[in-house]
N, C-alpha and C. Protein backbone atom coordinates (compact mmCIF):
# COMPACT_ATOMS: atom_id res chain seq x y z
N MET A 1 140.79 50.04 152.81
CA MET A 1 141.60 50.69 153.83
C MET A 1 142.98 51.00 153.23
N GLN A 2 143.41 52.22 153.42
CA GLN A 2 144.69 52.64 152.87
C GLN A 2 145.81 52.33 153.86
N ALA A 3 146.90 51.73 153.32
CA ALA A 3 148.04 51.41 154.18
C ALA A 3 148.79 52.69 154.52
N LEU A 4 149.31 52.74 155.73
CA LEU A 4 150.10 53.89 156.14
C LEU A 4 151.46 53.85 155.45
N ALA A 5 151.91 54.98 154.96
CA ALA A 5 153.22 55.07 154.30
C ALA A 5 154.31 55.08 155.36
N CYS A 6 155.28 54.26 155.16
CA CYS A 6 156.42 54.19 156.08
C CYS A 6 157.32 55.41 155.84
N PRO A 7 157.77 56.10 156.88
CA PRO A 7 158.62 57.28 156.70
C PRO A 7 159.87 56.96 155.88
N SER A 8 160.42 55.77 156.03
CA SER A 8 161.61 55.44 155.28
C SER A 8 161.32 55.31 153.79
N MET A 9 160.10 54.94 153.43
CA MET A 9 159.73 54.86 152.02
C MET A 9 159.68 56.25 151.41
N LYS A 10 159.22 57.23 152.17
CA LYS A 10 159.20 58.61 151.69
C LYS A 10 160.63 59.11 151.48
N GLY A 11 161.51 58.78 152.39
CA GLY A 11 162.91 59.16 152.26
C GLY A 11 163.56 58.50 151.05
N GLN A 12 163.23 57.25 150.83
CA GLN A 12 163.76 56.51 149.68
C GLN A 12 163.28 57.16 148.38
N ARG A 13 162.03 57.53 148.34
CA ARG A 13 161.46 58.18 147.16
C ARG A 13 162.16 59.51 146.90
N LEU A 14 162.41 60.28 147.94
CA LEU A 14 163.09 61.57 147.81
C LEU A 14 164.51 61.39 147.28
N ILE A 15 165.22 60.39 147.78
CA ILE A 15 166.58 60.10 147.31
C ILE A 15 166.56 59.69 145.85
N THR A 16 165.58 58.87 145.46
CA THR A 16 165.46 58.44 144.06
C THR A 16 165.20 59.64 143.15
N ILE A 17 164.30 60.51 143.54
CA ILE A 17 163.98 61.69 142.73
C ILE A 17 165.20 62.60 142.62
N ALA A 18 165.92 62.79 143.73
CA ALA A 18 167.12 63.62 143.69
C ALA A 18 168.18 63.01 142.77
N GLY A 19 168.35 61.70 142.83
CA GLY A 19 169.31 61.02 141.97
C GLY A 19 168.98 61.17 140.50
N ILE A 20 167.70 60.99 140.17
CA ILE A 20 167.28 61.15 138.78
C ILE A 20 167.51 62.59 138.33
N GLY A 21 167.23 63.54 139.20
CA GLY A 21 167.47 64.95 138.87
C GLY A 21 168.94 65.24 138.62
N LEU A 22 169.82 64.67 139.43
CA LEU A 22 171.26 64.89 139.25
C LEU A 22 171.76 64.26 137.94
N VAL A 23 171.28 63.07 137.63
CA VAL A 23 171.67 62.43 136.36
C VAL A 23 171.20 63.30 135.19
N GLY A 24 169.95 63.74 135.25
CA GLY A 24 169.42 64.60 134.20
C GLY A 24 170.23 65.88 134.05
N ALA A 25 170.58 66.50 135.17
CA ALA A 25 171.37 67.73 135.13
C ALA A 25 172.75 67.49 134.53
N SER A 26 173.36 66.35 134.84
CA SER A 26 174.69 66.08 134.28
C SER A 26 174.63 65.84 132.77
N VAL A 27 173.56 65.21 132.31
CA VAL A 27 173.39 65.00 130.87
C VAL A 27 173.15 66.35 130.18
N VAL A 28 172.31 67.18 130.76
CA VAL A 28 172.05 68.51 130.20
C VAL A 28 173.35 69.32 130.16
N GLN A 29 174.16 69.21 131.22
CA GLN A 29 175.45 69.92 131.25
C GLN A 29 176.31 69.54 130.05
N GLU A 30 176.34 68.25 129.72
CA GLU A 30 177.13 67.81 128.56
C GLU A 30 176.49 68.27 127.24
N LEU A 31 175.17 68.20 127.15
CA LEU A 31 174.49 68.57 125.91
C LEU A 31 174.59 70.07 125.61
N ARG A 32 174.81 70.87 126.62
CA ARG A 32 174.96 72.32 126.41
C ARG A 32 176.32 72.68 125.81
N LYS A 33 177.26 71.77 125.89
CA LYS A 33 178.58 72.01 125.30
C LYS A 33 178.51 71.77 123.80
N PRO A 34 179.38 72.45 123.02
CA PRO A 34 179.45 72.11 121.60
C PRO A 34 179.81 70.62 121.45
N ALA A 35 179.30 69.97 120.42
CA ALA A 35 179.50 68.53 120.24
C ALA A 35 180.97 68.13 120.31
N ALA A 36 181.85 68.93 119.79
CA ALA A 36 183.28 68.60 119.79
C ALA A 36 183.90 68.66 121.18
N GLU A 37 183.24 69.34 122.12
CA GLU A 37 183.79 69.49 123.48
C GLU A 37 183.17 68.55 124.50
N ARG A 38 182.22 67.74 124.08
CA ARG A 38 181.56 66.82 125.01
C ARG A 38 182.47 65.65 125.34
N THR A 39 182.72 65.47 126.62
CA THR A 39 183.57 64.35 127.06
C THR A 39 182.75 63.26 127.74
N TRP A 40 181.55 63.60 128.19
CA TRP A 40 180.65 62.69 128.89
C TRP A 40 181.23 62.18 130.20
N ASN A 41 182.16 62.93 130.75
CA ASN A 41 182.64 62.68 132.11
C ASN A 41 183.08 64.01 132.70
N GLY A 42 182.93 64.13 134.00
CA GLY A 42 183.29 65.37 134.69
C GLY A 42 182.62 65.41 136.04
N THR A 43 182.36 66.62 136.51
CA THR A 43 181.65 66.77 137.79
C THR A 43 180.48 67.72 137.61
N LEU A 44 179.45 67.47 138.35
CA LEU A 44 178.27 68.31 138.36
C LEU A 44 178.36 69.21 139.58
N MET A 45 178.28 70.50 139.39
CA MET A 45 178.37 71.49 140.46
C MET A 45 179.69 71.37 141.23
N GLY A 46 180.70 70.79 140.60
CA GLY A 46 182.00 70.64 141.25
C GLY A 46 182.01 69.62 142.38
N ILE A 47 180.93 68.85 142.51
CA ILE A 47 180.82 67.91 143.64
C ILE A 47 180.60 66.47 143.16
N PHE A 48 179.62 66.27 142.31
CA PHE A 48 179.18 64.92 141.94
C PHE A 48 179.88 64.46 140.66
N PRO A 49 180.75 63.45 140.76
CA PRO A 49 181.42 62.96 139.55
C PRO A 49 180.47 62.13 138.69
N TYR A 50 180.64 62.23 137.38
CA TYR A 50 179.87 61.40 136.46
C TYR A 50 180.76 60.94 135.33
N ASP A 51 180.43 59.78 134.78
CA ASP A 51 181.17 59.23 133.65
C ASP A 51 180.20 58.37 132.85
N TYR A 52 179.85 58.84 131.66
CA TYR A 52 178.92 58.12 130.80
C TYR A 52 179.62 57.51 129.59
N ARG A 53 180.94 57.43 129.65
CA ARG A 53 181.68 56.78 128.56
C ARG A 53 181.56 55.27 128.72
N MET A 54 181.74 54.55 127.61
CA MET A 54 181.72 53.09 127.65
C MET A 54 182.84 52.62 128.58
N PRO A 55 182.55 51.79 129.58
CA PRO A 55 183.60 51.31 130.49
C PRO A 55 184.66 50.50 129.73
N THR A 56 185.89 50.63 130.18
CA THR A 56 186.98 49.85 129.62
C THR A 56 187.60 49.02 130.75
N ALA A 57 188.29 47.95 130.37
CA ALA A 57 188.95 47.11 131.38
C ALA A 57 189.95 47.93 132.19
N GLU A 58 190.64 48.83 131.51
CA GLU A 58 191.64 49.67 132.20
C GLU A 58 190.97 50.56 133.26
N ARG A 59 189.85 51.16 132.90
CA ARG A 59 189.15 52.04 133.85
C ARG A 59 188.57 51.24 135.01
N VAL A 60 188.05 50.05 134.72
CA VAL A 60 187.51 49.20 135.79
C VAL A 60 188.62 48.87 136.79
N ALA A 61 189.76 48.45 136.28
CA ALA A 61 190.89 48.10 137.16
C ALA A 61 191.36 49.32 137.95
N GLU A 62 191.43 50.46 137.28
CA GLU A 62 191.90 51.70 137.91
C GLU A 62 190.96 52.13 139.04
N ARG A 63 189.67 51.97 138.83
CA ARG A 63 188.70 52.45 139.82
C ARG A 63 188.44 51.45 140.94
N LEU A 64 188.48 50.16 140.63
CA LEU A 64 188.14 49.16 141.64
C LEU A 64 189.34 48.60 142.38
N TRP A 65 190.53 48.66 141.77
CA TRP A 65 191.69 48.08 142.43
C TRP A 65 192.88 49.02 142.31
N SER A 66 192.91 50.00 143.17
CA SER A 66 194.00 50.96 143.23
C SER A 66 194.39 51.14 144.69
N PRO A 67 195.25 50.24 145.21
CA PRO A 67 195.58 50.27 146.64
C PRO A 67 196.12 51.61 147.14
N GLU A 68 196.73 52.39 146.27
CA GLU A 68 197.28 53.69 146.67
C GLU A 68 196.28 54.83 146.49
N GLY A 69 195.16 54.57 145.83
CA GLY A 69 194.18 55.62 145.55
C GLY A 69 193.26 55.88 146.72
N PRO A 70 192.31 56.79 146.53
CA PRO A 70 191.34 57.09 147.59
C PRO A 70 190.37 55.93 147.79
N LEU A 71 189.70 55.90 148.93
CA LEU A 71 188.76 54.83 149.25
C LEU A 71 187.52 54.89 148.36
N PHE A 72 187.05 56.09 148.07
CA PHE A 72 185.89 56.26 147.20
C PHE A 72 186.33 56.96 145.93
N VAL A 73 185.95 56.41 144.79
CA VAL A 73 186.35 56.92 143.49
C VAL A 73 185.10 57.11 142.62
N PRO A 74 185.20 57.90 141.55
CA PRO A 74 184.04 58.05 140.67
C PRO A 74 183.58 56.69 140.12
N MET A 75 182.28 56.58 139.90
CA MET A 75 181.70 55.35 139.35
C MET A 75 182.36 55.01 138.01
N ILE A 76 182.39 53.74 137.69
CA ILE A 76 182.90 53.30 136.40
C ILE A 76 181.97 53.81 135.30
N PHE A 77 180.68 53.74 135.55
CA PHE A 77 179.67 54.27 134.63
C PHE A 77 178.53 54.82 135.47
N GLY A 78 178.20 56.07 135.27
CA GLY A 78 177.09 56.67 135.98
C GLY A 78 177.52 57.87 136.79
N LEU A 79 176.71 58.21 137.78
CA LEU A 79 176.93 59.38 138.61
C LEU A 79 177.15 58.95 140.04
N GLY A 80 178.16 59.50 140.67
CA GLY A 80 178.42 59.21 142.08
C GLY A 80 179.76 58.54 142.28
N TRP A 81 179.87 57.85 143.39
CA TRP A 81 181.13 57.23 143.79
C TRP A 81 180.95 55.72 143.94
N THR A 82 182.08 55.01 143.90
CA THR A 82 182.10 53.58 144.16
C THR A 82 183.28 53.28 145.08
N LEU A 83 183.27 52.13 145.68
CA LEU A 83 184.31 51.73 146.61
C LEU A 83 185.53 51.19 145.86
N ASN A 84 186.69 51.71 146.19
CA ASN A 84 187.96 51.21 145.66
C ASN A 84 188.36 50.03 146.55
N VAL A 85 188.06 48.83 146.09
CA VAL A 85 188.29 47.62 146.88
C VAL A 85 189.78 47.44 147.18
N GLY A 86 190.63 47.79 146.23
CA GLY A 86 192.08 47.68 146.45
C GLY A 86 192.52 48.52 147.64
N ARG A 87 192.00 49.73 147.76
CA ARG A 87 192.35 50.60 148.88
C ARG A 87 191.79 50.03 150.18
N LEU A 88 190.57 49.51 150.14
CA LEU A 88 189.97 48.93 151.34
C LEU A 88 190.81 47.77 151.85
N VAL A 89 191.25 46.89 150.95
CA VAL A 89 192.10 45.76 151.34
C VAL A 89 193.41 46.27 151.93
N ALA A 90 194.00 47.28 151.32
CA ALA A 90 195.26 47.83 151.83
C ALA A 90 195.07 48.41 153.23
N VAL A 91 193.97 49.10 153.45
CA VAL A 91 193.69 49.67 154.77
C VAL A 91 193.49 48.57 155.80
N LEU A 92 192.72 47.54 155.43
CA LEU A 92 192.47 46.44 156.37
C LEU A 92 193.73 45.66 156.68
N ARG A 93 194.56 45.46 155.67
CA ARG A 93 195.84 44.77 155.93
C ARG A 93 196.73 45.59 156.85
N GLY A 94 196.74 46.90 156.65
CA GLY A 94 197.52 47.78 157.52
C GLY A 94 196.97 47.82 158.93
N ALA A 95 195.66 47.64 159.07
CA ALA A 95 195.02 47.69 160.39
C ALA A 95 195.29 46.43 161.19
N THR A 96 195.69 45.34 160.52
CA THR A 96 195.92 44.11 161.28
C THR A 96 197.20 44.21 162.09
N GLY A 97 198.15 45.00 161.64
CA GLY A 97 199.40 45.19 162.38
C GLY A 97 200.36 44.03 162.18
N PRO A 98 201.62 44.27 162.53
CA PRO A 98 202.64 43.22 162.36
C PRO A 98 202.33 42.01 163.22
N GLY A 99 202.48 40.85 162.63
CA GLY A 99 202.29 39.59 163.36
C GLY A 99 200.86 39.16 163.53
N LEU A 100 199.91 39.97 163.06
CA LEU A 100 198.50 39.62 163.23
C LEU A 100 197.90 39.05 161.97
N GLU A 101 198.65 39.00 160.87
CA GLU A 101 198.14 38.44 159.62
C GLU A 101 197.87 36.96 159.81
N GLY A 102 196.82 36.49 159.08
CA GLY A 102 196.42 35.09 159.17
C GLY A 102 197.30 34.26 158.40
């Protein structure tokens, strides 16, 4: 007896395939550039940020703890966005209001 496929599993599979396609397209985008012009970071279609450079401590700190930066920042390594925890903490502290801090 064949198990019924859960609709959410089909959606998950579609998202995985789309993600793999976007990663592949970003790598192809870099490989099409002359070797001297490849930076291995940028945006795909002007929307999806990617960064395939070796992560550094400076970049990790810049992307994960920047209270003045945007809430979502490009991934430290890979394609897409990650949460800027420093900004989230700053927003939550501001949301507590004066006199409400623990």
